[in-house]
Amino acid sequence: VQLQASGGGLAQPGGSVRLSCKVFGTIFSGNPAGWYRQAAGNQRERELVAAINTGGGTNCSESVKGRFTISRDNPTKTMYLDMNSLKSEDTAVYYCTLRRWGRDFWGQGTLVTVSS
């Protein structure tokens, strides 16, 4: 199982970024998925940003609610994180994850930097 994340980069405060994560090697549609992030510079734990279940139901952390949207496209085995109204505190490495066979599989992470 492999998850390949892309779409990170530099964005200005108030701007938007779309992250993508393509899944290889396993069924995608029947498994919950999500995005986490980890701020750089210290040993902070990964923070759950948004999650999506097999029926398309979603939830987001309070810090991104109303600004970020998670979605999935089952035929292409891809999940997305649309990030709007970005703030400097959104700067982090973002990881996609998929739960399959009772364990979590992770993408390699993609860095999003929000700075003017």
N, C-alpha and C. Protein backbone atom coordinates (compact mmCIF):
# COMPACT_ATOMS: atom_id res chain seq x y z
N VAL A 1 0.85 -1.19 0.00
CA VAL A 1 0.00 0.00 0.00
C VAL A 1 0.89 1.24 0.00
N GLN A 2 0.60 2.16 -0.90
CA GLN A 2 1.35 3.42 -0.95
C GLN A 2 0.38 4.59 -1.09
N LEU A 3 0.70 5.67 -0.38
CA LEU A 3 -0.06 6.90 -0.51
C LEU A 3 0.91 7.97 -0.98
N GLN A 4 0.54 8.67 -2.03
CA GLN A 4 1.42 9.67 -2.62
C GLN A 4 0.75 11.03 -2.55
N ALA A 5 1.28 11.89 -1.67
CA ALA A 5 0.72 13.22 -1.46
C ALA A 5 1.42 14.24 -2.34
N SER A 6 0.68 15.25 -2.76
CA SER A 6 1.26 16.32 -3.57
C SER A 6 0.45 17.59 -3.37
N GLY A 7 1.02 18.70 -3.86
CA GLY A 7 0.28 19.95 -3.84
C GLY A 7 0.77 20.98 -2.85
N GLY A 8 1.73 20.63 -2.02
CA GLY A 8 2.24 21.59 -1.06
C GLY A 8 3.08 22.67 -1.72
N GLY A 9 3.45 23.66 -0.94
CA GLY A 9 4.27 24.74 -1.45
C GLY A 9 4.10 25.99 -0.62
N LEU A 10 4.44 27.11 -1.21
CA LEU A 10 4.36 28.40 -0.53
C LEU A 10 3.06 29.10 -0.89
N ALA A 11 2.38 29.60 0.13
CA ALA A 11 1.14 30.33 -0.08
C ALA A 11 1.16 31.57 0.80
N GLN A 12 0.45 32.59 0.37
CA GLN A 12 0.36 33.82 1.16
C GLN A 12 -0.77 33.71 2.16
N PRO A 13 -0.68 34.42 3.25
CA PRO A 13 -1.81 34.47 4.19
C PRO A 13 -3.08 34.90 3.46
N GLY A 14 -4.16 34.19 3.74
CA GLY A 14 -5.41 34.44 3.05
C GLY A 14 -5.57 33.69 1.75
N GLY A 15 -4.52 33.03 1.32
CA GLY A 15 -4.55 32.30 0.07
C GLY A 15 -5.11 30.90 0.21
N SER A 16 -5.00 30.13 -0.88
CA SER A 16 -5.57 28.78 -0.94
C SER A 16 -4.55 27.80 -1.51
N VAL A 17 -4.69 26.57 -1.07
CA VAL A 17 -3.87 25.47 -1.57
C VAL A 17 -4.76 24.23 -1.62
N ARG A 18 -4.54 23.39 -2.62
CA ARG A 18 -5.22 22.10 -2.68
C ARG A 18 -4.18 20.99 -2.60
N LEU A 19 -4.33 20.13 -1.62
CA LEU A 19 -3.48 18.95 -1.50
C LEU A 19 -4.22 17.75 -2.08
N SER A 20 -3.44 16.86 -2.71
CA SER A 20 -3.99 15.62 -3.25
C SER A 20 -3.23 14.44 -2.67
N CYS A 21 -3.89 13.31 -2.59
CA CYS A 21 -3.24 12.09 -2.11
C CYS A 21 -3.82 10.92 -2.88
N LYS A 22 -2.98 10.27 -3.66
CA LYS A 22 -3.42 9.13 -4.46
C LYS A 22 -3.00 7.85 -3.78
N VAL A 23 -3.88 6.89 -3.76
CA VAL A 23 -3.65 5.63 -3.08
C VAL A 23 -3.37 4.53 -4.10
N PHE A 24 -2.36 3.74 -3.82
CA PHE A 24 -1.97 2.63 -4.69
C PHE A 24 -1.96 1.34 -3.89
N GLY A 25 -2.35 0.26 -4.54
CA GLY A 25 -2.11 -1.05 -3.95
C GLY A 25 -3.20 -1.60 -3.05
N THR A 26 -4.32 -0.89 -2.93
CA THR A 26 -5.40 -1.39 -2.10
C THR A 26 -6.71 -0.74 -2.51
N ILE A 27 -7.77 -1.35 -2.02
CA ILE A 27 -9.10 -0.75 -2.21
C ILE A 27 -9.16 0.56 -1.44
N PHE A 28 -9.77 1.56 -2.02
CA PHE A 28 -9.86 2.88 -1.38
C PHE A 28 -11.26 3.17 -0.87
N SER A 29 -12.28 2.77 -1.61
CA SER A 29 -13.63 3.24 -1.34
C SER A 29 -14.19 2.77 0.00
N GLY A 30 -13.77 1.64 0.49
CA GLY A 30 -14.36 1.11 1.71
C GLY A 30 -13.59 1.42 2.98
N ASN A 31 -12.70 2.40 2.92
CA ASN A 31 -11.83 2.67 4.06
C ASN A 31 -11.85 4.15 4.44
N PRO A 32 -11.88 4.42 5.74
CA PRO A 32 -11.81 5.81 6.18
C PRO A 32 -10.43 6.40 5.90
N ALA A 33 -10.40 7.70 5.73
CA ALA A 33 -9.15 8.38 5.38
C ALA A 33 -9.10 9.74 6.05
N GLY A 34 -7.93 10.36 5.99
CA GLY A 34 -7.82 11.67 6.63
C GLY A 34 -6.51 12.36 6.33
N TRP A 35 -6.42 13.57 6.86
CA TRP A 35 -5.20 14.38 6.76
C TRP A 35 -4.77 14.79 8.17
N TYR A 36 -3.47 14.67 8.42
CA TYR A 36 -2.85 15.15 9.64
C TYR A 36 -1.81 16.19 9.26
N ARG A 37 -1.36 16.93 10.26
CA ARG A 37 -0.25 17.84 10.02
C ARG A 37 0.67 17.87 11.23
N GLN A 38 1.92 18.24 10.96
CA GLN A 38 2.92 18.34 12.01
C GLN A 38 3.74 19.58 11.76
N ALA A 39 3.70 20.48 12.73
CA ALA A 39 4.47 21.70 12.61
C ALA A 39 5.96 21.39 12.76
N ALA A 40 6.77 22.13 12.06
CA ALA A 40 8.21 21.90 12.10
C ALA A 40 8.84 22.54 13.33
N GLY A 41 10.08 22.14 13.62
CA GLY A 41 10.85 22.83 14.64
C GLY A 41 10.86 22.21 16.01
N ASN A 42 9.95 21.29 16.28
CA ASN A 42 9.98 20.65 17.59
C ASN A 42 9.38 19.25 17.46
N GLN A 43 9.14 18.63 18.59
CA GLN A 43 8.66 17.25 18.57
C GLN A 43 7.15 17.17 18.76
N ARG A 44 6.45 18.15 18.28
CA ARG A 44 5.00 18.13 18.43
C ARG A 44 4.40 16.95 17.70
N GLU A 45 3.35 16.40 18.25
CA GLU A 45 2.69 15.27 17.64
C GLU A 45 1.90 15.71 16.41
N ARG A 46 1.62 14.74 15.56
CA ARG A 46 0.78 15.04 14.42
C ARG A 46 -0.63 15.36 14.88
N GLU A 47 -1.20 16.38 14.29
CA GLU A 47 -2.53 16.84 14.64
C GLU A 47 -3.51 16.43 13.55
N LEU A 48 -4.63 15.84 13.95
CA LEU A 48 -5.67 15.52 12.98
C LEU A 48 -6.27 16.81 12.44
N VAL A 49 -6.27 16.95 11.11
CA VAL A 49 -6.83 18.13 10.47
C VAL A 49 -8.25 17.87 10.02
N ALA A 50 -8.43 16.75 9.29
CA ALA A 50 -9.76 16.44 8.77
C ALA A 50 -9.83 14.94 8.48
N ALA A 51 -11.03 14.39 8.58
CA ALA A 51 -11.23 12.98 8.32
C ALA A 51 -12.49 12.79 7.50
N ILE A 52 -12.52 11.70 6.73
CA ILE A 52 -13.69 11.40 5.91
C ILE A 52 -13.95 9.90 6.00
N ASN A 53 -15.21 9.56 6.22
CA ASN A 53 -15.53 8.13 6.38
C ASN A 53 -15.96 7.53 5.04
N THR A 54 -16.31 6.26 5.07
CA THR A 54 -16.62 5.56 3.83
C THR A 54 -17.89 6.08 3.16
N GLY A 55 -18.77 6.69 3.94
CA GLY A 55 -20.00 7.24 3.37
C GLY A 55 -19.89 8.67 2.94
N GLY A 56 -18.69 9.26 3.10
CA GLY A 56 -18.49 10.64 2.70
C GLY A 56 -18.68 11.65 3.82
N GLY A 57 -19.05 11.18 5.00
CA GLY A 57 -19.17 12.08 6.14
C GLY A 57 -17.81 12.61 6.56
N THR A 58 -17.76 13.87 6.96
CA THR A 58 -16.48 14.50 7.28
C THR A 58 -16.50 15.17 8.64
N ASN A 59 -15.33 15.36 9.20
CA ASN A 59 -15.17 16.22 10.35
C ASN A 59 -13.81 16.88 10.29
N CYS A 60 -13.73 18.06 10.85
CA CYS A 60 -12.49 18.85 10.83
C CYS A 60 -12.17 19.32 12.24
N SER A 61 -10.91 19.60 12.47
CA SER A 61 -10.52 20.17 13.76
C SER A 61 -11.08 21.59 13.87
N GLU A 62 -11.23 22.05 15.09
CA GLU A 62 -11.77 23.39 15.31
C GLU A 62 -10.90 24.46 14.68
N SER A 63 -9.60 24.21 14.63
CA SER A 63 -8.67 25.22 14.13
C SER A 63 -8.81 25.46 12.62
N VAL A 64 -9.41 24.52 11.90
CA VAL A 64 -9.53 24.68 10.44
C VAL A 64 -10.98 24.68 9.98
N LYS A 65 -11.91 24.49 10.90
CA LYS A 65 -13.32 24.40 10.52
C LYS A 65 -13.77 25.67 9.81
N GLY A 66 -14.46 25.47 8.68
CA GLY A 66 -14.91 26.62 7.89
C GLY A 66 -13.90 27.10 6.88
N ARG A 67 -12.66 26.59 6.99
CA ARG A 67 -11.61 27.01 6.05
C ARG A 67 -11.10 25.86 5.20
N PHE A 68 -11.04 24.66 5.78
CA PHE A 68 -10.52 23.49 5.07
C PHE A 68 -11.67 22.53 4.78
N THR A 69 -11.56 21.82 3.64
CA THR A 69 -12.56 20.83 3.26
C THR A 69 -11.85 19.58 2.76
N ILE A 70 -12.25 18.44 3.31
CA ILE A 70 -11.71 17.17 2.85
C ILE A 70 -12.74 16.52 1.93
N SER A 71 -12.24 15.84 0.90
CA SER A 71 -13.13 15.13 -0.02
C SER A 71 -12.39 13.92 -0.58
N ARG A 72 -13.15 13.05 -1.22
CA ARG A 72 -12.54 11.86 -1.81
C ARG A 72 -13.21 11.56 -3.14
N ASP A 73 -12.42 11.00 -4.05
CA ASP A 73 -12.93 10.55 -5.33
C ASP A 73 -12.60 9.07 -5.44
N ASN A 74 -13.56 8.24 -5.15
CA ASN A 74 -13.29 6.80 -5.07
C ASN A 74 -12.84 6.18 -6.40
N PRO A 75 -13.42 6.54 -7.53
CA PRO A 75 -12.96 5.91 -8.78
C PRO A 75 -11.49 6.15 -9.09
N THR A 76 -10.96 7.31 -8.71
CA THR A 76 -9.54 7.58 -8.98
C THR A 76 -8.67 7.30 -7.76
N LYS A 77 -9.29 6.84 -6.66
CA LYS A 77 -8.56 6.49 -5.43
C LYS A 77 -7.73 7.68 -4.94
N THR A 78 -8.37 8.84 -4.92
CA THR A 78 -7.68 10.07 -4.54
C THR A 78 -8.48 10.81 -3.49
N MET A 79 -7.79 11.35 -2.50
CA MET A 79 -8.43 12.23 -1.53
C MET A 79 -7.82 13.62 -1.65
N TYR A 80 -8.58 14.63 -1.23
CA TYR A 80 -8.15 16.01 -1.37
C TYR A 80 -8.33 16.76 -0.05
N LEU A 81 -7.52 17.80 0.10
CA LEU A 81 -7.72 18.74 1.19
C LEU A 81 -7.66 20.14 0.59
N ASP A 82 -8.80 20.80 0.53
CA ASP A 82 -8.86 22.17 0.04
C ASP A 82 -8.71 23.10 1.22
N MET A 83 -7.68 23.93 1.15
CA MET A 83 -7.30 24.81 2.25
C MET A 83 -7.49 26.25 1.81
N ASN A 84 -8.38 26.96 2.47
CA ASN A 84 -8.67 28.36 2.14
C ASN A 84 -8.40 29.25 3.35
N SER A 85 -8.32 30.55 3.09
CA SER A 85 -8.09 31.53 4.16
C SER A 85 -6.91 31.12 5.02
N LEU A 86 -5.83 30.78 4.38
CA LEU A 86 -4.67 30.25 5.09
C LEU A 86 -4.09 31.26 6.06
N LYS A 87 -3.57 30.72 7.17
CA LYS A 87 -2.92 31.52 8.20
C LYS A 87 -1.50 31.01 8.39
N SER A 88 -0.66 31.84 8.99
CA SER A 88 0.73 31.42 9.20
C SER A 88 0.81 30.17 10.06
N GLU A 89 -0.14 30.03 10.98
CA GLU A 89 -0.11 28.85 11.85
C GLU A 89 -0.53 27.57 11.14
N ASP A 90 -0.94 27.66 9.89
CA ASP A 90 -1.22 26.46 9.10
C ASP A 90 0.05 25.87 8.50
N THR A 91 1.16 26.56 8.66
CA THR A 91 2.44 26.06 8.15
C THR A 91 2.79 24.75 8.84
N ALA A 92 2.99 23.70 8.03
CA ALA A 92 3.26 22.37 8.58
C ALA A 92 3.52 21.40 7.43
N VAL A 93 3.98 20.23 7.80
CA VAL A 93 4.00 19.11 6.85
C VAL A 93 2.66 18.39 6.99
N TYR A 94 2.00 18.19 5.89
CA TYR A 94 0.68 17.55 5.86
C TYR A 94 0.82 16.11 5.37
N TYR A 95 0.19 15.21 6.12
CA TYR A 95 0.25 13.78 5.81
C TYR A 95 -1.16 13.25 5.54
N CYS A 96 -1.29 12.46 4.49
CA CYS A 96 -2.55 11.77 4.27
C CYS A 96 -2.44 10.37 4.87
N THR A 97 -3.58 9.85 5.26
CA THR A 97 -3.60 8.54 5.88
C THR A 97 -4.85 7.77 5.46
N LEU A 98 -4.72 6.45 5.45
CA LEU A 98 -5.81 5.56 5.08
C LEU A 98 -5.82 4.39 6.07
N ARG A 99 -6.97 4.06 6.59
CA ARG A 99 -7.08 2.92 7.50
C ARG A 99 -7.56 1.71 6.73
N ARG A 100 -6.74 0.67 6.82
CA ARG A 100 -7.05 -0.55 6.08
C ARG A 100 -6.53 -1.73 6.89
N TRP A 101 -7.33 -2.77 6.99
CA TRP A 101 -6.96 -3.97 7.76
C TRP A 101 -6.62 -3.64 9.22
N GLY A 102 -7.27 -2.65 9.76
CA GLY A 102 -7.06 -2.32 11.16
C GLY A 102 -5.80 -1.54 11.45
N ARG A 103 -5.10 -1.08 10.44
CA ARG A 103 -3.90 -0.28 10.65
C ARG A 103 -3.95 0.94 9.74
N ASP A 104 -3.10 1.91 10.09
CA ASP A 104 -3.05 3.16 9.34
C ASP A 104 -1.84 3.18 8.40
N PHE A 105 -2.10 3.54 7.16
CA PHE A 105 -1.03 3.73 6.18
C PHE A 105 -0.88 5.23 5.93
N TRP A 106 0.39 5.67 5.75
CA TRP A 106 0.69 7.10 5.67
C TRP A 106 1.38 7.45 4.37
N GLY A 107 1.08 8.65 3.87
CA GLY A 107 1.83 9.21 2.77
C GLY A 107 3.13 9.81 3.27
N GLN A 108 3.94 10.32 2.36
CA GLN A 108 5.27 10.80 2.71
C GLN A 108 5.27 12.20 3.28
N GLY A 109 4.16 12.90 3.20
CA GLY A 109 4.10 14.26 3.72
C GLY A 109 4.41 15.28 2.64
N THR A 110 3.71 16.39 2.71
CA THR A 110 3.96 17.50 1.79
C THR A 110 3.94 18.79 2.59
N LEU A 111 4.95 19.63 2.38
CA LEU A 111 5.11 20.84 3.19
C LEU A 111 4.28 21.99 2.63
N VAL A 112 3.52 22.61 3.51
CA VAL A 112 2.79 23.83 3.18
C VAL A 112 3.36 24.95 4.05
N THR A 113 3.81 25.99 3.40
CA THR A 113 4.36 27.15 4.10
C THR A 113 3.50 28.36 3.79
N VAL A 114 2.98 28.98 4.83
CA VAL A 114 2.14 30.17 4.65
C VAL A 114 2.94 31.37 5.15
N SER A 115 3.31 32.22 4.20
CA SER A 115 4.15 33.36 4.55
C SER A 115 4.01 34.43 3.48
N SER A 116 4.15 35.68 3.91
CA SER A 116 4.11 36.78 2.95
C SER A 116 5.52 37.14 2.51
